[in-house]
Amino acid sequence: MTLRNFALLLLYCLIVVPAGLVAGLGRDPLRRGIDRTAATYWLAAGGARRRPKG
């Protein structure tokens, strides 16, 4: 393992991994919680739809 690879590994382990762990704590970006009162989980699509060229 070269010094460059070791430096990149160290950077990844000390900066990227903890940042991802902190960002993921306490919030659910995909809103995966169960809502027992909801009739459906579908979300209405917004915006105009374009027909494909062809």
PDB file of N, CA and C in Angstrom:
ATOM      1  N   MET A   1       0.850  -1.166   0.000  1.00  0.00           N
ATOM      2  CA  MET A   1       0.000   0.000   0.000  1.00  0.00           C
ATOM      3  C   MET A   1       0.898   1.232   0.000  1.00  0.00           C
ATOM      4  N   THR A   2       0.628   2.101  -0.941  1.00  0.00           N
ATOM      5  CA  THR A   2       1.457   3.300  -1.036  1.00  0.00           C
ATOM      6  C   THR A   2       0.984   4.348  -0.036  1.00  0.00           C
ATOM      7  N   LEU A   3       1.795   5.357   0.134  1.00  0.00           N
ATOM      8  CA  LEU A   3       1.459   6.430   1.063  1.00  0.00           C
ATOM      9  C   LEU A   3       0.209   7.177   0.608  1.00  0.00           C
ATOM     10  N   ARG A   4       0.042   7.314  -0.699  1.00  0.00           N
ATOM     11  CA  ARG A   4      -1.137   7.998  -1.236  1.00  0.00           C
ATOM     12  C   ARG A   4      -2.413   7.211  -0.910  1.00  0.00           C
ATOM     13  N   ASN A   5      -2.379   5.916  -1.099  1.00  0.00           N
ATOM     14  CA  ASN A   5      -3.539   5.083  -0.781  1.00  0.00           C
ATOM     15  C   ASN A   5      -3.851   5.122   0.713  1.00  0.00           C
ATOM     16  N   PHE A   6      -2.830   5.093   1.517  1.00  0.00           N
ATOM     17  CA  PHE A   6      -3.023   5.161   2.960  1.00  0.00           C
ATOM     18  C   PHE A   6      -3.630   6.495   3.372  1.00  0.00           C
ATOM     19  N   ALA A   7      -3.180   7.580   2.762  1.00  0.00           N
ATOM     20  CA  ALA A   7      -3.717   8.906   3.077  1.00  0.00           C
ATOM     21  C   ALA A   7      -5.186   9.000   2.677  1.00  0.00           C
ATOM     22  N   LEU A   8      -5.545   8.447   1.528  1.00  0.00           N
ATOM     23  CA  LEU A   8      -6.935   8.463   1.087  1.00  0.00           C
ATOM     24  C   LEU A   8      -7.812   7.606   2.002  1.00  0.00           C
ATOM     25  N   LEU A   9      -7.314   6.473   2.419  1.00  0.00           N
ATOM     26  CA  LEU A   9      -8.048   5.613   3.345  1.00  0.00           C
ATOM     27  C   LEU A   9      -8.263   6.321   4.680  1.00  0.00           C
ATOM     28  N   LEU A  10      -7.238   6.967   5.167  1.00  0.00           N
ATOM     29  CA  LEU A  10      -7.327   7.699   6.418  1.00  0.00           C
ATOM     30  C   LEU A  10      -8.325   8.842   6.316  1.00  0.00           C
ATOM     31  N   LEU A  11      -8.293   9.572   5.213  1.00  0.00           N
ATOM     32  CA  LEU A  11      -9.232  10.658   4.983  1.00  0.00           C
ATOM     33  C   LEU A  11     -10.665  10.137   4.956  1.00  0.00           C
ATOM     34  N   TYR A  12     -10.873   9.032   4.289  1.00  0.00           N
ATOM     35  CA  TYR A  12     -12.202   8.433   4.186  1.00  0.00           C
ATOM     36  C   TYR A  12     -12.705   8.000   5.564  1.00  0.00           C
ATOM     37  N   CYS A  13     -11.846   7.337   6.321  1.00  0.00           N
ATOM     38  CA  CYS A  13     -12.254   6.818   7.625  1.00  0.00           C
ATOM     39  C   CYS A  13     -12.460   7.924   8.654  1.00  0.00           C
ATOM     40  N   LEU A  14     -11.737   9.012   8.551  1.00  0.00           N
ATOM     41  CA  LEU A  14     -11.822  10.066   9.558  1.00  0.00           C
ATOM     42  C   LEU A  14     -12.800  11.181   9.208  1.00  0.00           C
ATOM     43  N   ILE A  15     -13.160  11.324   7.921  1.00  0.00           N
ATOM     44  CA  ILE A  15     -14.034  12.426   7.522  1.00  0.00           C
ATOM     45  C   ILE A  15     -15.342  11.941   6.914  1.00  0.00           C
ATOM     46  N   VAL A  16     -15.275  11.081   5.918  1.00  0.00           N
ATOM     47  CA  VAL A  16     -16.468  10.696   5.174  1.00  0.00           C
ATOM     48  C   VAL A  16     -17.390   9.797   6.000  1.00  0.00           C
ATOM     49  N   VAL A  17     -16.833   8.781   6.636  1.00  0.00           N
ATOM     50  CA  VAL A  17     -17.661   7.847   7.410  1.00  0.00           C
ATOM     51  C   VAL A  17     -18.352   8.540   8.591  1.00  0.00           C
ATOM     52  N   PRO A  18     -17.636   9.298   9.420  1.00  0.00           N
ATOM     53  CA  PRO A  18     -18.334   9.981  10.519  1.00  0.00           C
ATOM     54  C   PRO A  18     -19.366  10.998  10.030  1.00  0.00           C
ATOM     55  N   ALA A  19     -19.082  11.693   8.938  1.00  0.00           N
ATOM     56  CA  ALA A  19     -20.048  12.661   8.403  1.00  0.00           C
ATOM     57  C   ALA A  19     -21.318  11.947   7.962  1.00  0.00           C
ATOM     58  N   GLY A  20     -21.197  10.794   7.358  1.00  0.00           N
ATOM     59  CA  GLY A  20     -22.364  10.023   6.948  1.00  0.00           C
ATOM     60  C   GLY A  20     -23.145   9.503   8.134  1.00  0.00           C
ATOM     61  N   LEU A  21     -22.451   9.093   9.166  1.00  0.00           N
ATOM     62  CA  LEU A  21     -23.133   8.604  10.371  1.00  0.00           C
ATOM     63  C   LEU A  21     -23.877   9.728  11.081  1.00  0.00           C
ATOM     64  N   VAL A  22     -23.263  10.883  11.183  1.00  0.00           N
ATOM     65  CA  VAL A  22     -23.900  12.029  11.832  1.00  0.00           C
ATOM     66  C   VAL A  22     -25.093  12.508  10.998  1.00  0.00           C
ATOM     67  N   ALA A  23     -24.963  12.520   9.692  1.00  0.00           N
ATOM     68  CA  ALA A  23     -26.057  12.969   8.826  1.00  0.00           C
ATOM     69  C   ALA A  23     -27.243  12.024   8.890  1.00  0.00           C
ATOM     70  N   GLY A  24     -27.007  10.765   9.135  1.00  0.00           N
ATOM     71  CA  GLY A  24     -28.090   9.797   9.158  1.00  0.00           C
ATOM     72  C   GLY A  24     -28.776   9.635  10.502  1.00  0.00           C
ATOM     73  N   LEU A  25     -28.189  10.167  11.545  1.00  0.00           N
ATOM     74  CA  LEU A  25     -28.776  10.019  12.877  1.00  0.00           C
ATOM     75  C   LEU A  25     -29.947  10.975  13.070  1.00  0.00           C
ATOM     76  N   GLY A  26     -31.030  10.445  13.578  1.00  0.00           N
ATOM     77  CA  GLY A  26     -32.134  11.301  13.959  1.00  0.00           C
ATOM     78  C   GLY A  26     -33.037  11.777  12.848  1.00  0.00           C
ATOM     79  N   ARG A  27     -32.816  11.365  11.637  1.00  0.00           N
ATOM     80  CA  ARG A  27     -33.721  11.767  10.574  1.00  0.00           C
ATOM     81  C   ARG A  27     -33.868  10.633   9.581  1.00  0.00           C
ATOM     82  N   ASP A  28     -34.964  10.632   8.894  1.00  0.00           N
ATOM     83  CA  ASP A  28     -35.263   9.580   7.938  1.00  0.00           C
ATOM     84  C   ASP A  28     -35.553  10.224   6.586  1.00  0.00           C
ATOM     85  N   PRO A  29     -34.564  10.395   5.736  1.00  0.00           N
ATOM     86  CA  PRO A  29     -34.776  11.114   4.476  1.00  0.00           C
ATOM     87  C   PRO A  29     -35.751  10.416   3.527  1.00  0.00           C
ATOM     88  N   LEU A  30     -35.949   9.123   3.697  1.00  0.00           N
ATOM     89  CA  LEU A  30     -36.884   8.407   2.822  1.00  0.00           C
ATOM     90  C   LEU A  30     -38.283   8.301   3.427  1.00  0.00           C
ATOM     91  N   ARG A  31     -38.462   8.838   4.612  1.00  0.00           N
ATOM     92  CA  ARG A  31     -39.747   8.804   5.325  1.00  0.00           C
ATOM     93  C   ARG A  31     -40.309   7.384   5.352  1.00  0.00           C
ATOM     94  N   ARG A  32     -39.536   6.452   5.892  1.00  0.00           N
ATOM     95  CA  ARG A  32     -39.906   5.045   5.911  1.00  0.00           C
ATOM     96  C   ARG A  32     -40.810   4.658   7.067  1.00  0.00           C
ATOM     97  N   GLY A  33     -41.236   5.625   7.855  1.00  0.00           N
ATOM     98  CA  GLY A  33     -42.084   5.318   9.003  1.00  0.00           C
ATOM     99  C   GLY A  33     -43.455   4.815   8.568  1.00  0.00           C
ATOM    100  N   ILE A  34     -44.102   4.064   9.454  1.00  0.00           N
ATOM    101  CA  ILE A  34     -45.419   3.507   9.170  1.00  0.00           C
ATOM    102  C   ILE A  34     -46.480   4.478   9.663  1.00  0.00           C
ATOM    103  N   ASP A  35     -47.387   4.857   8.781  1.00  0.00           N
ATOM    104  CA  ASP A  35     -48.516   5.703   9.135  1.00  0.00           C
ATOM    105  C   ASP A  35     -49.778   4.867   9.031  1.00  0.00           C
ATOM    106  N   ARG A  36     -50.261   4.425  10.165  1.00  0.00           N
ATOM    107  CA  ARG A  36     -51.404   3.514  10.179  1.00  0.00           C
ATOM    108  C   ARG A  36     -52.709   4.205   9.785  1.00  0.00           C
ATOM    109  N   THR A  37     -52.746   5.539   9.823  1.00  0.00           N
ATOM    110  CA  THR A  37     -53.965   6.255   9.451  1.00  0.00           C
ATOM    111  C   THR A  37     -54.017   6.574   7.959  1.00  0.00           C
ATOM    112  N   ALA A  38     -52.915   6.398   7.245  1.00  0.00           N
ATOM    113  CA  ALA A  38     -52.886   6.736   5.820  1.00  0.00           C
ATOM    114  C   ALA A  38     -53.613   5.683   4.997  1.00  0.00           C
ATOM    115  N   ALA A  39     -54.400   6.149   4.037  1.00  0.00           N
ATOM    116  CA  ALA A  39     -55.089   5.227   3.137  1.00  0.00           C
ATOM    117  C   ALA A  39     -54.113   4.677   2.100  1.00  0.00           C
ATOM    118  N   THR A  40     -53.123   5.483   1.732  1.00  0.00           N
ATOM    119  CA  THR A  40     -52.147   5.070   0.732  1.00  0.00           C
ATOM    120  C   THR A  40     -50.829   5.798   0.988  1.00  0.00           C
ATOM    121  N   TYR A  41     -49.772   5.286   0.447  1.00  0.00           N
ATOM    122  CA  TYR A  41     -48.464   5.933   0.550  1.00  0.00           C
ATOM    123  C   TYR A  41     -48.066   6.602  -0.759  1.00  0.00           C
ATOM    124  N   TRP A  42     -48.922   6.547  -1.758  1.00  0.00           N
ATOM    125  CA  TRP A  42     -48.621   7.156  -3.045  1.00  0.00           C
ATOM    126  C   TRP A  42     -48.581   8.672  -2.904  1.00  0.00           C
ATOM    127  N   LEU A  43     -47.639   9.303  -3.602  1.00  0.00           N
ATOM    128  CA  LEU A  43     -47.546  10.750  -3.665  1.00  0.00           C
ATOM    129  C   LEU A  43     -47.927  11.190  -5.066  1.00  0.00           C
ATOM    130  N   ALA A  44     -48.690  12.269  -5.178  1.00  0.00           N
ATOM    131  CA  ALA A  44     -49.076  12.778  -6.489  1.00  0.00           C
ATOM    132  C   ALA A  44     -47.855  13.338  -7.204  1.00  0.00           C
ATOM    133  N   ALA A  45     -47.756  12.996  -8.481  1.00  0.00           N
ATOM    134  CA  ALA A  45     -46.649  13.507  -9.288  1.00  0.00           C
ATOM    135  C   ALA A  45     -46.926  14.957  -9.639  1.00  0.00           C
ATOM    136  N   GLY A  46     -45.932  15.791  -9.513  1.00  0.00           N
ATOM    137  CA  GLY A  46     -46.117  17.208  -9.819  1.00  0.00           C
ATOM    138  C   GLY A  46     -45.433  17.574 -11.125  1.00  0.00           C
ATOM    139  N   GLY A  47     -45.826  18.680 -11.678  1.00  0.00           N
ATOM    140  CA  GLY A  47     -45.184  19.178 -12.882  1.00  0.00           C
ATOM    141  C   GLY A  47     -45.842  18.665 -14.153  1.00  0.00           C
ATOM    142  N   ALA A  48     -45.511  19.307 -15.243  1.00  0.00           N
ATOM    143  CA  ALA A  48     -46.067  18.945 -16.545  1.00  0.00           C
ATOM    144  C   ALA A  48     -45.371  17.691 -17.081  1.00  0.00           C
ATOM    145  N   ARG A  49     -46.114  16.892 -17.751  1.00  0.00           N
ATOM    146  CA  ARG A  49     -45.548  15.692 -18.374  1.00  0.00           C
ATOM    147  C   ARG A  49     -45.326  15.960 -19.854  1.00  0.00           C
ATOM    148  N   ARG A  50     -44.202  15.535 -20.329  1.00  0.00           N
ATOM    149  CA  ARG A  50     -43.875  15.753 -21.740  1.00  0.00           C
ATOM    150  C   ARG A  50     -43.984  14.448 -22.480  1.00  0.00           C
ATOM    151  N   ARG A  51     -44.498  14.507 -23.677  1.00  0.00           N
ATOM    152  CA  ARG A  51     -44.546  13.332 -24.509  1.00  0.00           C
ATOM    153  C   ARG A  51     -43.182  13.092 -25.137  1.00  0.00           C
ATOM    154  N   PRO A  52     -42.755  11.857 -25.203  1.00  0.00           N
ATOM    155  CA  PRO A  52     -41.455  11.590 -25.835  1.00  0.00           C
ATOM    156  C   PRO A  52     -41.500  11.863 -27.337  1.00  0.00           C
ATOM    157  N   LYS A  53     -40.392  12.361 -27.851  1.00  0.00           N
ATOM    158  CA  LYS A  53     -40.289  12.605 -29.282  1.00  0.00           C
ATOM    159  C   LYS A  53     -40.159  11.274 -29.991  1.00  0.00           C
ATOM    160  N   GLY A  54     -40.831  11.177 -31.111  1.00  0.00           N
ATOM    161  CA  GLY A  54     -40.691   9.902 -31.780  1.00  0.00           C
ATOM    162  C   GLY A  54     -41.515   9.713 -32.928  1.00  0.00           C
TER     163      GLY A  54
END
